[in-house]
Amino acid sequence: MILTVGREICKALGYSVILAASGKEALKIYKEKKEEINLVILDMIMPEMNGLETFLELKKLNSDIKVLLSTGYSIDEKAQEMLRQGCKGYILKLYSVIDFSHKLREILKL
């Protein structure tokens, strides 16, 4: 449900969206389509690989990757590590469409 809502928000804001149901699927998709992907949104808790693990593997594929961490939890040690390693920002759930839109634009301009 979270993926569906996120996709619909992004589409309403004019973005094209590719969904991945897990960290492993995200890596597979990114390897195949990295030239088409400008931003990756990760949750900290995902099936198969958590957000930090997925982020570190994505960084190996593209050291300049733009990643937004979307989390329902406070910024814990794993989230702080993602930010230290180059994650471009985070947004705490539940966020408004306006806040989400601003965060996306902010990161895409980096």
PDB file of N, CA and C in Angstrom:
ATOM      1  N   MET A   1       0.813  -1.182   0.000  1.00  0.00           N
ATOM      2  CA  MET A   1       0.000   0.000   0.000  1.00  0.00           C
ATOM      3  C   MET A   1       0.869   1.263   0.000  1.00  0.00           C
ATOM      4  N   ILE A   2       1.959   1.243   0.783  1.00  0.00           N
ATOM      5  CA  ILE A   2       2.855   2.398   0.843  1.00  0.00           C
ATOM      6  C   ILE A   2       3.472   2.658  -0.533  1.00  0.00           C
ATOM      7  N   LEU A   3       3.871   1.587  -1.216  1.00  0.00           N
ATOM      8  CA  LEU A   3       4.438   1.740  -2.556  1.00  0.00           C
ATOM      9  C   LEU A   3       3.428   2.367  -3.514  1.00  0.00           C
ATOM     10  N   THR A   4       2.192   1.900  -3.445  1.00  0.00           N
ATOM     11  CA  THR A   4       1.158   2.407  -4.335  1.00  0.00           C
ATOM     12  C   THR A   4       0.893   3.890  -4.090  1.00  0.00           C
ATOM     13  N   VAL A   5       0.774   4.270  -2.837  1.00  0.00           N
ATOM     14  CA  VAL A   5       0.537   5.677  -2.503  1.00  0.00           C
ATOM     15  C   VAL A   5       1.724   6.532  -2.948  1.00  0.00           C
ATOM     16  N   GLY A   6       2.935   6.085  -2.656  1.00  0.00           N
ATOM     17  CA  GLY A   6       4.135   6.818  -3.071  1.00  0.00           C
ATOM     18  C   GLY A   6       4.208   6.980  -4.573  1.00  0.00           C
ATOM     19  N   ARG A   7       3.880   5.919  -5.293  1.00  0.00           N
ATOM     20  CA  ARG A   7       3.892   5.982  -6.757  1.00  0.00           C
ATOM     21  C   ARG A   7       2.883   7.005  -7.259  1.00  0.00           C
ATOM     22  N   GLU A   8       1.691   6.978  -6.691  1.00  0.00           N
ATOM     23  CA  GLU A   8       0.641   7.897  -7.146  1.00  0.00           C
ATOM     24  C   GLU A   8       0.994   9.351  -6.839  1.00  0.00           C
ATOM     25  N   ILE A   9       1.609   9.592  -5.697  1.00  0.00           N
ATOM     26  CA  ILE A   9       2.045  10.956  -5.363  1.00  0.00           C
ATOM     27  C   ILE A   9       3.090  11.420  -6.372  1.00  0.00           C
ATOM     28  N   CYS A  10       4.080  10.579  -6.628  1.00  0.00           N
ATOM     29  CA  CYS A  10       5.137  10.945  -7.579  1.00  0.00           C
ATOM     30  C   CYS A  10       4.574  11.184  -8.969  1.00  0.00           C
ATOM     31  N   LYS A  11       3.661  10.328  -9.409  1.00  0.00           N
ATOM     32  CA  LYS A  11       3.053  10.503 -10.724  1.00  0.00           C
ATOM     33  C   LYS A  11       2.263  11.803 -10.783  1.00  0.00           C
ATOM     34  N   ALA A  12       1.524  12.119  -9.710  1.00  0.00           N
ATOM     35  CA  ALA A  12       0.746  13.360  -9.669  1.00  0.00           C
ATOM     36  C   ALA A  12       1.657  14.582  -9.734  1.00  0.00           C
ATOM     37  N   LEU A  13       2.892  14.433  -9.233  1.00  0.00           N
ATOM     38  CA  LEU A  13       3.867  15.531  -9.273  1.00  0.00           C
ATOM     39  C   LEU A  13       4.611  15.593 -10.604  1.00  0.00           C
ATOM     40  N   GLY A  14       4.319  14.658 -11.509  1.00  0.00           N
ATOM     41  CA  GLY A  14       4.907  14.681 -12.835  1.00  0.00           C
ATOM     42  C   GLY A  14       6.124  13.801 -13.026  1.00  0.00           C
ATOM     43  N   TYR A  15       6.433  12.954 -12.062  1.00  0.00           N
ATOM     44  CA  TYR A  15       7.598  12.083 -12.163  1.00  0.00           C
ATOM     45  C   TYR A  15       7.211  10.712 -12.715  1.00  0.00           C
ATOM     46  N   SER A  16       8.118  10.098 -13.453  1.00  0.00           N
ATOM     47  CA  SER A  16       7.968   8.700 -13.857  1.00  0.00           C
ATOM     48  C   SER A  16       8.456   7.846 -12.704  1.00  0.00           C
ATOM     49  N   VAL A  17       7.830   6.690 -12.515  1.00  0.00           N
ATOM     50  CA  VAL A  17       8.125   5.873 -11.342  1.00  0.00           C
ATOM     51  C   VAL A  17       8.373   4.426 -11.746  1.00  0.00           C
ATOM     52  N   ILE A  18       9.397   3.848 -11.147  1.00  0.00           N
ATOM     53  CA  ILE A  18       9.665   2.419 -11.255  1.00  0.00           C
ATOM     54  C   ILE A  18       9.638   1.885  -9.826  1.00  0.00           C
ATOM     55  N   LEU A  19       8.782   0.928  -9.558  1.00  0.00           N
ATOM     56  CA  LEU A  19       8.664   0.384  -8.205  1.00  0.00           C
ATOM     57  C   LEU A  19       9.516  -0.861  -8.024  1.00  0.00           C
ATOM     58  N   ALA A  20      10.034  -1.016  -6.815  1.00  0.00           N
ATOM     59  CA  ALA A  20      10.736  -2.229  -6.411  1.00  0.00           C
ATOM     60  C   ALA A  20      10.156  -2.648  -5.062  1.00  0.00           C
ATOM     61  N   ALA A  21       9.837  -3.910  -4.910  1.00  0.00           N
ATOM     62  CA  ALA A  21       9.215  -4.403  -3.687  1.00  0.00           C
ATOM     63  C   ALA A  21      10.227  -4.792  -2.616  1.00  0.00           C
ATOM     64  N   SER A  22      11.517  -4.772  -2.960  1.00  0.00           N
ATOM     65  CA  SER A  22      12.550  -5.158  -1.997  1.00  0.00           C
ATOM     66  C   SER A  22      13.872  -4.497  -2.364  1.00  0.00           C
ATOM     67  N   GLY A  23      14.808  -4.556  -1.448  1.00  0.00           N
ATOM     68  CA  GLY A  23      16.136  -4.019  -1.730  1.00  0.00           C
ATOM     69  C   GLY A  23      16.815  -4.748  -2.879  1.00  0.00           C
ATOM     70  N   LYS A  24      16.707  -6.073  -2.909  1.00  0.00           N
ATOM     71  CA  LYS A  24      17.325  -6.851  -3.988  1.00  0.00           C
ATOM     72  C   LYS A  24      16.718  -6.506  -5.340  1.00  0.00           C
ATOM     73  N   GLU A  25      15.396  -6.328  -5.362  1.00  0.00           N
ATOM     74  CA  GLU A  25      14.751  -5.956  -6.615  1.00  0.00           C
ATOM     75  C   GLU A  25      15.185  -4.555  -7.046  1.00  0.00           C
ATOM     76  N   ALA A  26      15.344  -3.656  -6.090  1.00  0.00           N
ATOM     77  CA  ALA A  26      15.804  -2.298  -6.396  1.00  0.00           C
ATOM     78  C   ALA A  26      17.186  -2.335  -7.050  1.00  0.00           C
ATOM     79  N   LEU A  27      18.076  -3.146  -6.518  1.00  0.00           N
ATOM     80  CA  LEU A  27      19.417  -3.276  -7.101  1.00  0.00           C
ATOM     81  C   LEU A  27      19.362  -3.821  -8.524  1.00  0.00           C
ATOM     82  N   LYS A  28      18.541  -4.831  -8.725  1.00  0.00           N
ATOM     83  CA  LYS A  28      18.407  -5.436 -10.059  1.00  0.00           C
ATOM     84  C   LYS A  28      17.898  -4.389 -11.053  1.00  0.00           C
ATOM     85  N   ILE A  29      16.869  -3.663 -10.663  1.00  0.00           N
ATOM     86  CA  ILE A  29      16.302  -2.640 -11.545  1.00  0.00           C
ATOM     87  C   ILE A  29      17.320  -1.543 -11.811  1.00  0.00           C
ATOM     88  N   TYR A  30      18.023  -1.114 -10.774  1.00  0.00           N
ATOM     89  CA  TYR A  30      18.990  -0.031 -10.957  1.00  0.00           C
ATOM     90  C   TYR A  30      20.113  -0.449 -11.901  1.00  0.00           C
ATOM     91  N   LYS A  31      20.577  -1.683 -11.784  1.00  0.00           N
ATOM     92  CA  LYS A  31      21.619  -2.172 -12.694  1.00  0.00           C
ATOM     93  C   LYS A  31      21.156  -2.110 -14.140  1.00  0.00           C
ATOM     94  N   GLU A  32      19.883  -2.429 -14.376  1.00  0.00           N
ATOM     95  CA  GLU A  32      19.339  -2.465 -15.734  1.00  0.00           C
ATOM     96  C   GLU A  32      18.983  -1.087 -16.277  1.00  0.00           C
ATOM     97  N   LYS A  33      18.580  -0.161 -15.395  1.00  0.00           N
ATOM     98  CA  LYS A  33      18.005   1.103 -15.865  1.00  0.00           C
ATOM     99  C   LYS A  33      18.641   2.336 -15.248  1.00  0.00           C
ATOM    100  N   LYS A  34      19.882   2.225 -14.772  1.00  0.00           N
ATOM    101  CA  LYS A  34      20.459   3.347 -14.032  1.00  0.00           C
ATOM    102  C   LYS A  34      20.548   4.638 -14.837  1.00  0.00           C
ATOM    103  N   GLU A  35      20.638   4.544 -16.145  1.00  0.00           N
ATOM    104  CA  GLU A  35      20.697   5.752 -16.973  1.00  0.00           C
ATOM    105  C   GLU A  35      19.362   6.502 -16.976  1.00  0.00           C
ATOM    106  N   GLU A  36      18.276   5.814 -16.646  1.00  0.00           N
ATOM    107  CA  GLU A  36      16.941   6.414 -16.632  1.00  0.00           C
ATOM    108  C   GLU A  36      16.531   6.910 -15.243  1.00  0.00           C
ATOM    109  N   ILE A  37      17.300   6.551 -14.214  1.00  0.00           N
ATOM    110  CA  ILE A  37      16.886   6.820 -12.837  1.00  0.00           C
ATOM    111  C   ILE A  37      17.666   8.007 -12.276  1.00  0.00           C
ATOM    112  N   ASN A  38      16.929   9.039 -11.864  1.00  0.00           N
ATOM    113  CA  ASN A  38      17.531  10.252 -11.309  1.00  0.00           C
ATOM    114  C   ASN A  38      17.545  10.278  -9.790  1.00  0.00           C
ATOM    115  N   LEU A  39      16.672   9.503  -9.172  1.00  0.00           N
ATOM    116  CA  LEU A  39      16.526   9.515  -7.718  1.00  0.00           C
ATOM    117  C   LEU A  39      15.966   8.184  -7.262  1.00  0.00           C
ATOM    118  N   VAL A  40      16.484   7.695  -6.152  1.00  0.00           N
ATOM    119  CA  VAL A  40      15.974   6.470  -5.538  1.00  0.00           C
ATOM    120  C   VAL A  40      15.440   6.838  -4.160  1.00  0.00           C
ATOM    121  N   ILE A  41      14.239   6.369  -3.865  1.00  0.00           N
ATOM    122  CA  ILE A  41      13.647   6.574  -2.543  1.00  0.00           C
ATOM    123  C   ILE A  41      13.672   5.227  -1.836  1.00  0.00           C
ATOM    124  N   LEU A  42      14.333   5.194  -0.682  1.00  0.00           N
ATOM    125  CA  LEU A  42      14.443   3.969   0.094  1.00  0.00           C
ATOM    126  C   LEU A  42      13.759   4.121   1.441  1.00  0.00           C
ATOM    127  N   ASP A  43      13.193   3.037   1.912  1.00  0.00           N
ATOM    128  CA  ASP A  43      12.709   2.954   3.285  1.00  0.00           C
ATOM    129  C   ASP A  43      13.799   2.243   4.070  1.00  0.00           C
ATOM    130  N   MET A  44      13.857   2.458   5.356  1.00  0.00           N
ATOM    131  CA  MET A  44      14.862   1.758   6.158  1.00  0.00           C
ATOM    132  C   MET A  44      14.505   0.283   6.308  1.00  0.00           C
ATOM    133  N   ILE A  45      13.213  -0.005   6.412  1.00  0.00           N
ATOM    134  CA  ILE A  45      12.774  -1.390   6.593  1.00  0.00           C
ATOM    135  C   ILE A  45      12.140  -1.862   5.292  1.00  0.00           C
ATOM    136  N   MET A  46      12.837  -2.814   4.646  1.00  0.00           N
ATOM    137  CA  MET A  46      12.361  -3.385   3.385  1.00  0.00           C
ATOM    138  C   MET A  46      12.643  -4.880   3.413  1.00  0.00           C
ATOM    139  N   PRO A  47      11.921  -5.654   2.614  1.00  0.00           N
ATOM    140  CA  PRO A  47      12.202  -7.092   2.534  1.00  0.00           C
ATOM    141  C   PRO A  47      13.594  -7.364   1.952  1.00  0.00           C
ATOM    142  N   GLU A  48      14.196  -8.432   2.392  1.00  0.00           N
ATOM    143  CA  GLU A  48      15.456  -8.984   1.886  1.00  0.00           C
ATOM    144  C   GLU A  48      16.698  -8.181   2.244  1.00  0.00           C
ATOM    145  N   MET A  49      16.671  -6.875   2.105  1.00  0.00           N
ATOM    146  CA  MET A  49      17.810  -6.014   2.457  1.00  0.00           C
ATOM    147  C   MET A  49      17.233  -4.738   3.070  1.00  0.00           C
ATOM    148  N   ASN A  50      17.847  -4.246   4.137  1.00  0.00           N
ATOM    149  CA  ASN A  50      17.346  -2.995   4.708  1.00  0.00           C
ATOM    150  C   ASN A  50      17.837  -1.800   3.886  1.00  0.00           C
ATOM    151  N   GLY A  51      17.378  -0.629   4.250  1.00  0.00           N
ATOM    152  CA  GLY A  51      17.722   0.572   3.499  1.00  0.00           C
ATOM    153  C   GLY A  51      19.209   0.844   3.441  1.00  0.00           C
ATOM    154  N   LEU A  52      19.909   0.670   4.560  1.00  0.00           N
ATOM    155  CA  LEU A  52      21.354   0.911   4.587  1.00  0.00           C
ATOM    156  C   LEU A  52      22.087  -0.064   3.677  1.00  0.00           C
ATOM    157  N   GLU A  53      21.758  -1.338   3.766  1.00  0.00           N
ATOM    158  CA  GLU A  53      22.407  -2.343   2.915  1.00  0.00           C
ATOM    159  C   GLU A  53      22.171  -2.040   1.431  1.00  0.00           C
ATOM    160  N   THR A  54      20.940  -1.703   1.103  1.00  0.00           N
ATOM    161  CA  THR A  54      20.603  -1.392  -0.285  1.00  0.00           C
ATOM    162  C   THR A  54      21.355  -0.148  -0.751  1.00  0.00           C
ATOM    163  N   PHE A  55      21.371   0.875   0.080  1.00  0.00           N
ATOM    164  CA  PHE A  55      22.060   2.118  -0.253  1.00  0.00           C
ATOM    165  C   PHE A  55      23.542   1.870  -0.529  1.00  0.00           C
ATOM    166  N   LEU A  56      24.204   1.105   0.331  1.00  0.00           N
ATOM    167  CA  LEU A  56      25.636   0.849   0.153  1.00  0.00           C
ATOM    168  C   LEU A  56      25.911   0.091  -1.143  1.00  0.00           C
ATOM    169  N   GLU A  57      25.028  -0.826  -1.502  1.00  0.00           N
ATOM    170  CA  GLU A  57      25.198  -1.552  -2.769  1.00  0.00           C
ATOM    171  C   GLU A  57      24.941  -0.636  -3.970  1.00  0.00           C
ATOM    172  N   LEU A  58      23.944   0.246  -3.850  1.00  0.00           N
ATOM    173  CA  LEU A  58      23.687   1.213  -4.919  1.00  0.00           C
ATOM    174  C   LEU A  58      24.880   2.141  -5.115  1.00  0.00           C
ATOM    175  N   LYS A  59      25.506   2.552  -4.015  1.00  0.00           N
ATOM    176  CA  LYS A  59      26.683   3.435  -4.089  1.00  0.00           C
ATOM    177  C   LYS A  59      27.827   2.768  -4.840  1.00  0.00           C
ATOM    178  N   LYS A  60      27.928   1.457  -4.753  1.00  0.00           N
ATOM    179  CA  LYS A  60      28.963   0.745  -5.501  1.00  0.00           C
ATOM    180  C   LYS A  60      28.707   0.834  -7.007  1.00  0.00           C
ATOM    181  N   LEU A  61      27.445   0.901  -7.385  1.00  0.00           N
ATOM    182  CA  LEU A  61      27.083   0.998  -8.798  1.00  0.00           C
ATOM    183  C   LEU A  61      27.208   2.424  -9.326  1.00  0.00           C
ATOM    184  N   ASN A  62      26.980   3.401  -8.439  1.00  0.00           N
ATOM    185  CA  ASN A  62      27.046   4.810  -8.829  1.00  0.00           C
ATOM    186  C   ASN A  62      27.357   5.633  -7.583  1.00  0.00           C
ATOM    187  N   SER A  63      28.578   6.087  -7.477  1.00  0.00           N
ATOM    188  CA  SER A  63      28.988   6.821  -6.276  1.00  0.00           C
ATOM    189  C   SER A  63      28.260   8.161  -6.124  1.00  0.00           C
ATOM    190  N   ASP A  64      27.664   8.678  -7.197  1.00  0.00           N
ATOM    191  CA  ASP A  64      26.944   9.958  -7.156  1.00  0.00           C
ATOM    192  C   ASP A  64      25.430   9.794  -7.084  1.00  0.00           C
ATOM    193  N   ILE A  65      24.956   8.606  -6.797  1.00  0.00           N
ATOM    194  CA  ILE A  65      23.523   8.342  -6.780  1.00  0.00           C
ATOM    195  C   ILE A  65      22.799   9.272  -5.801  1.00  0.00           C
ATOM    196  N   LYS A  66      21.614   9.706  -6.204  1.00  0.00           N
ATOM    197  CA  LYS A  66      20.782  10.549  -5.343  1.00  0.00           C
ATOM    198  C   LYS A  66      19.738   9.661  -4.686  1.00  0.00           C
ATOM    199  N   VAL A  67      19.808   9.587  -3.354  1.00  0.00           N
ATOM    200  CA  VAL A  67      18.898   8.740  -2.590  1.00  0.00           C
ATOM    201  C   VAL A  67      18.217   9.570  -1.518  1.00  0.00           C
ATOM    202  N   LEU A  68      16.906   9.381  -1.408  1.00  0.00           N
ATOM    203  CA  LEU A  68      16.103   9.971  -0.343  1.00  0.00           C
ATOM    204  C   LEU A  68      15.660   8.839   0.565  1.00  0.00           C
ATOM    205  N   LEU A  69      15.930   8.970   1.850  1.00  0.00           N
ATOM    206  CA  LEU A  69      15.477   8.007   2.837  1.00  0.00           C
ATOM    207  C   LEU A  69      14.122   8.456   3.352  1.00  0.00           C
ATOM    208  N   SER A  70      13.139   7.606   3.214  1.00  0.00           N
ATOM    209  CA  SER A  70      11.798   7.863   3.726  1.00  0.00           C
ATOM    210  C   SER A  70      11.581   6.877   4.864  1.00  0.00           C
ATOM    211  N   THR A  71      11.408   7.388   6.067  1.00  0.00           N
ATOM    212  CA  THR A  71      11.321   6.508   7.219  1.00  0.00           C
ATOM    213  C   THR A  71      10.226   6.943   8.182  1.00  0.00           C
ATOM    214  N   GLY A  72       9.671   5.981   8.867  1.00  0.00           N
ATOM    215  CA  GLY A  72       8.662   6.259   9.878  1.00  0.00           C
ATOM    216  C   GLY A  72       9.259   6.315  11.268  1.00  0.00           C
ATOM    217  N   TYR A  73      10.564   6.155  11.344  1.00  0.00           N
ATOM    218  CA  TYR A  73      11.249   6.125  12.632  1.00  0.00           C
ATOM    219  C   TYR A  73      12.181   7.323  12.762  1.00  0.00           C
ATOM    220  N   SER A  74      12.580   7.594  13.980  1.00  0.00           N
ATOM    221  CA  SER A  74      13.545   8.677  14.174  1.00  0.00           C
ATOM    222  C   SER A  74      14.860   8.284  13.497  1.00  0.00           C
ATOM    223  N   ILE A  75      15.711   9.247  13.288  1.00  0.00           N
ATOM    224  CA  ILE A  75      16.976   8.996  12.601  1.00  0.00           C
ATOM    225  C   ILE A  75      17.915   8.256  13.554  1.00  0.00           C
ATOM    226  N   ASP A  76      17.965   6.943  13.389  1.00  0.00           N
ATOM    227  CA  ASP A  76      18.790   6.083  14.239  1.00  0.00           C
ATOM    228  C   ASP A  76      20.198   5.958  13.655  1.00  0.00           C
ATOM    229  N   GLU A  77      20.979   5.076  14.214  1.00  0.00           N
ATOM    230  CA  GLU A  77      22.375   4.916  13.786  1.00  0.00           C
ATOM    231  C   GLU A  77      22.488   4.505  12.317  1.00  0.00           C
ATOM    232  N   LYS A  78      21.615   3.597  11.859  1.00  0.00           N
ATOM    233  CA  LYS A  78      21.671   3.179  10.447  1.00  0.00           C
ATOM    234  C   LYS A  78      21.352   4.344   9.520  1.00  0.00           C
ATOM    235  N   ALA A  79      20.351   5.123   9.878  1.00  0.00           N
ATOM    236  CA  ALA A  79      19.993   6.283   9.049  1.00  0.00           C
ATOM    237  C   ALA A  79      21.118   7.313   9.063  1.00  0.00           C
ATOM    238  N   GLN A  80      21.714   7.546  10.211  1.00  0.00           N
ATOM    239  CA  GLN A  80      22.839   8.479  10.304  1.00  0.00           C
ATOM    240  C   GLN A  80      24.003   7.996   9.447  1.00  0.00           C
ATOM    241  N   GLU A  81      24.234   6.690   9.435  1.00  0.00           N
ATOM    242  CA  GLU A  81      25.305   6.131   8.609  1.00  0.00           C
ATOM    243  C   GLU A  81      25.017   6.362   7.127  1.00  0.00           C
ATOM    244  N   MET A  82      23.755   6.198   6.723  1.00  0.00           N
ATOM    245  CA  MET A  82      23.388   6.471   5.333  1.00  0.00           C
ATOM    246  C   MET A  82      23.707   7.915   4.975  1.00  0.00           C
ATOM    247  N   LEU A  83      23.372   8.839   5.852  1.00  0.00           N
ATOM    248  CA  LEU A  83      23.634  10.253   5.594  1.00  0.00           C
ATOM    249  C   LEU A  83      25.139  10.527   5.542  1.00  0.00           C
ATOM    250  N   ARG A  84      25.900   9.899   6.421  1.00  0.00           N
ATOM    251  CA  ARG A  84      27.362  10.071   6.398  1.00  0.00           C
ATOM    252  C   ARG A  84      27.964   9.518   5.114  1.00  0.00           C
ATOM    253  N   GLN A  85      27.359   8.456   4.596  1.00  0.00           N
ATOM    254  CA  GLN A  85      27.880   7.802   3.383  1.00  0.00           C
ATOM    255  C   GLN A  85      27.415   8.476   2.093  1.00  0.00           C
ATOM    256  N   GLY A  86      26.578   9.523   2.202  1.00  0.00           N
ATOM    257  CA  GLY A  86      26.210  10.265   1.014  1.00  0.00           C
ATOM    258  C   GLY A  86      24.744  10.269   0.632  1.00  0.00           C
ATOM    259  N   CYS A  87      23.880   9.685   1.455  1.00  0.00           N
ATOM    260  CA  CYS A  87      22.447   9.798   1.202  1.00  0.00           C
ATOM    261  C   CYS A  87      22.100  11.282   1.216  1.00  0.00           C
ATOM    262  N   LYS A  88      21.352  11.729   0.239  1.00  0.00           N
ATOM    263  CA  LYS A  88      21.132  13.164   0.032  1.00  0.00           C
ATOM    264  C   LYS A  88      20.120  13.792   0.972  1.00  0.00           C
ATOM    265  N   GLY A  89      19.323  12.986   1.660  1.00  0.00           N
ATOM    266  CA  GLY A  89      18.360  13.559   2.598  1.00  0.00           C
ATOM    267  C   GLY A  89      17.398  12.511   3.109  1.00  0.00           C
ATOM    268  N   TYR A  90      16.548  12.952   4.010  1.00  0.00           N
ATOM    269  CA  TYR A  90      15.536  12.057   4.553  1.00  0.00           C
ATOM    270  C   TYR A  90      14.254  12.836   4.787  1.00  0.00           C
ATOM    271  N   ILE A  91      13.175  12.078   4.838  1.00  0.00           N
ATOM    272  CA  ILE A  91      11.874  12.648   5.155  1.00  0.00           C
ATOM    273  C   ILE A  91      11.164  11.669   6.076  1.00  0.00           C
ATOM    274  N   LEU A  92      10.601  12.202   7.151  1.00  0.00           N
ATOM    275  CA  LEU A  92       9.905  11.360   8.116  1.00  0.00           C
ATOM    276  C   LEU A  92       8.451  11.188   7.707  1.00  0.00           C
ATOM    277  N   LYS A  93       7.986   9.948   7.750  1.00  0.00           N
ATOM    278  CA  LYS A  93       6.577   9.660   7.493  1.00  0.00           C
ATOM    279  C   LYS A  93       5.795  10.086   8.742  1.00  0.00           C
ATOM    280  N   LEU A  94       4.701  10.441   8.651  1.00  0.00           N
ATOM    281  CA  LEU A  94       3.784  10.770   7.590  1.00  0.00           C
ATOM    282  C   LEU A  94       4.040  12.201   7.159  1.00  0.00           C
ATOM    283  N   TYR A  95       4.277  12.388   5.901  1.00  0.00           N
ATOM    284  CA  TYR A  95       4.593  13.696   5.371  1.00  0.00           C
ATOM    285  C   TYR A  95       3.488  14.128   4.414  1.00  0.00           C
ATOM    286  N   SER A  96       3.404  15.420   4.201  1.00  0.00           N
ATOM    287  CA  SER A  96       2.410  15.948   3.268  1.00  0.00           C
ATOM    288  C   SER A  96       2.951  15.860   1.847  1.00  0.00           C
ATOM    289  N   VAL A  97       2.060  15.942   0.890  1.00  0.00           N
ATOM    290  CA  VAL A  97       2.456  15.943  -0.516  1.00  0.00           C
ATOM    291  C   VAL A  97       3.367  17.141  -0.790  1.00  0.00           C
ATOM    292  N   ILE A  98       3.065  18.269  -0.177  1.00  0.00           N
ATOM    293  CA  ILE A  98       3.879  19.473  -0.373  1.00  0.00           C
ATOM    294  C   ILE A  98       5.290  19.264   0.161  1.00  0.00           C
ATOM    295  N   ASP A  99       5.419  18.726   1.373  1.00  0.00           N
ATOM    296  CA  ASP A  99       6.747  18.473   1.940  1.00  0.00           C
ATOM    297  C   ASP A  99       7.525  17.476   1.083  1.00  0.00           C
ATOM    298  N   PHE A 100       6.847  16.439   0.627  1.00  0.00           N
ATOM    299  CA  PHE A 100       7.475  15.424  -0.205  1.00  0.00           C
ATOM    300  C   PHE A 100       7.939  16.039  -1.526  1.00  0.00           C
ATOM    301  N   SER A 101       7.104  16.846  -2.133  1.00  0.00           N
ATOM    302  CA  SER A 101       7.441  17.509  -3.382  1.00  0.00           C
ATOM    303  C   SER A 101       8.666  18.400  -3.222  1.00  0.00           C
ATOM    304  N   HIS A 102       8.702  19.168  -2.156  1.00  0.00           N
ATOM    305  CA  HIS A 102       9.846  20.048  -1.905  1.00  0.00           C
ATOM    306  C   HIS A 102      11.125  19.242  -1.707  1.00  0.00           C
ATOM    307  N   LYS A 103      11.044  18.159  -0.975  1.00  0.00           N
ATOM    308  CA  LYS A 103      12.220  17.329  -0.712  1.00  0.00           C
ATOM    309  C   LYS A 103      12.727  16.703  -2.008  1.00  0.00           C
ATOM    310  N   LEU A 104      11.825  16.217  -2.849  1.00  0.00           N
ATOM    311  CA  LEU A 104      12.242  15.642  -4.138  1.00  0.00           C
ATOM    312  C   LEU A 104      12.969  16.684  -4.985  1.00  0.00           C
ATOM    313  N   ARG A 105      12.375  17.865  -5.103  1.00  0.00           N
ATOM    314  CA  ARG A 105      13.001  18.917  -5.913  1.00  0.00           C
ATOM    315  C   ARG A 105      14.354  19.326  -5.339  1.00  0.00           C
ATOM    316  N   GLU A 106      14.437  19.418  -4.019  1.00  0.00           N
ATOM    317  CA  GLU A 106      15.696  19.796  -3.362  1.00  0.00           C
ATOM    318  C   GLU A 106      16.807  18.809  -3.717  1.00  0.00           C
ATOM    319  N   ILE A 107      16.515  17.538  -3.634  1.00  0.00           N
ATOM    320  CA  ILE A 107      17.535  16.515  -3.893  1.00  0.00           C
ATOM    321  C   ILE A 107      17.867  16.434  -5.383  1.00  0.00           C
ATOM    322  N   LEU A 108      16.886  16.564  -6.237  1.00  0.00           N
ATOM    323  CA  LEU A 108      17.147  16.489  -7.676  1.00  0.00           C
ATOM    324  C   LEU A 108      18.009  17.663  -8.158  1.00  0.00           C
ATOM    325  N   LYS A 109      17.971  18.790  -7.460  1.00  0.00           N
ATOM    326  CA  LYS A 109      18.786  19.956  -7.843  1.00  0.00           C
ATOM    327  C   LYS A 109      20.235  19.819  -7.409  1.00  0.00           C
ATOM    328  N   LEU A 110      20.553  18.885  -6.516  1.00  0.00           N
ATOM    329  CA  LEU A 110      21.923  18.723  -6.030  1.00  0.00           C
ATOM    330  C   LEU A 110      22.862  18.292  -7.134  1.00  0.00           C
TER     331      LEU A 110
END
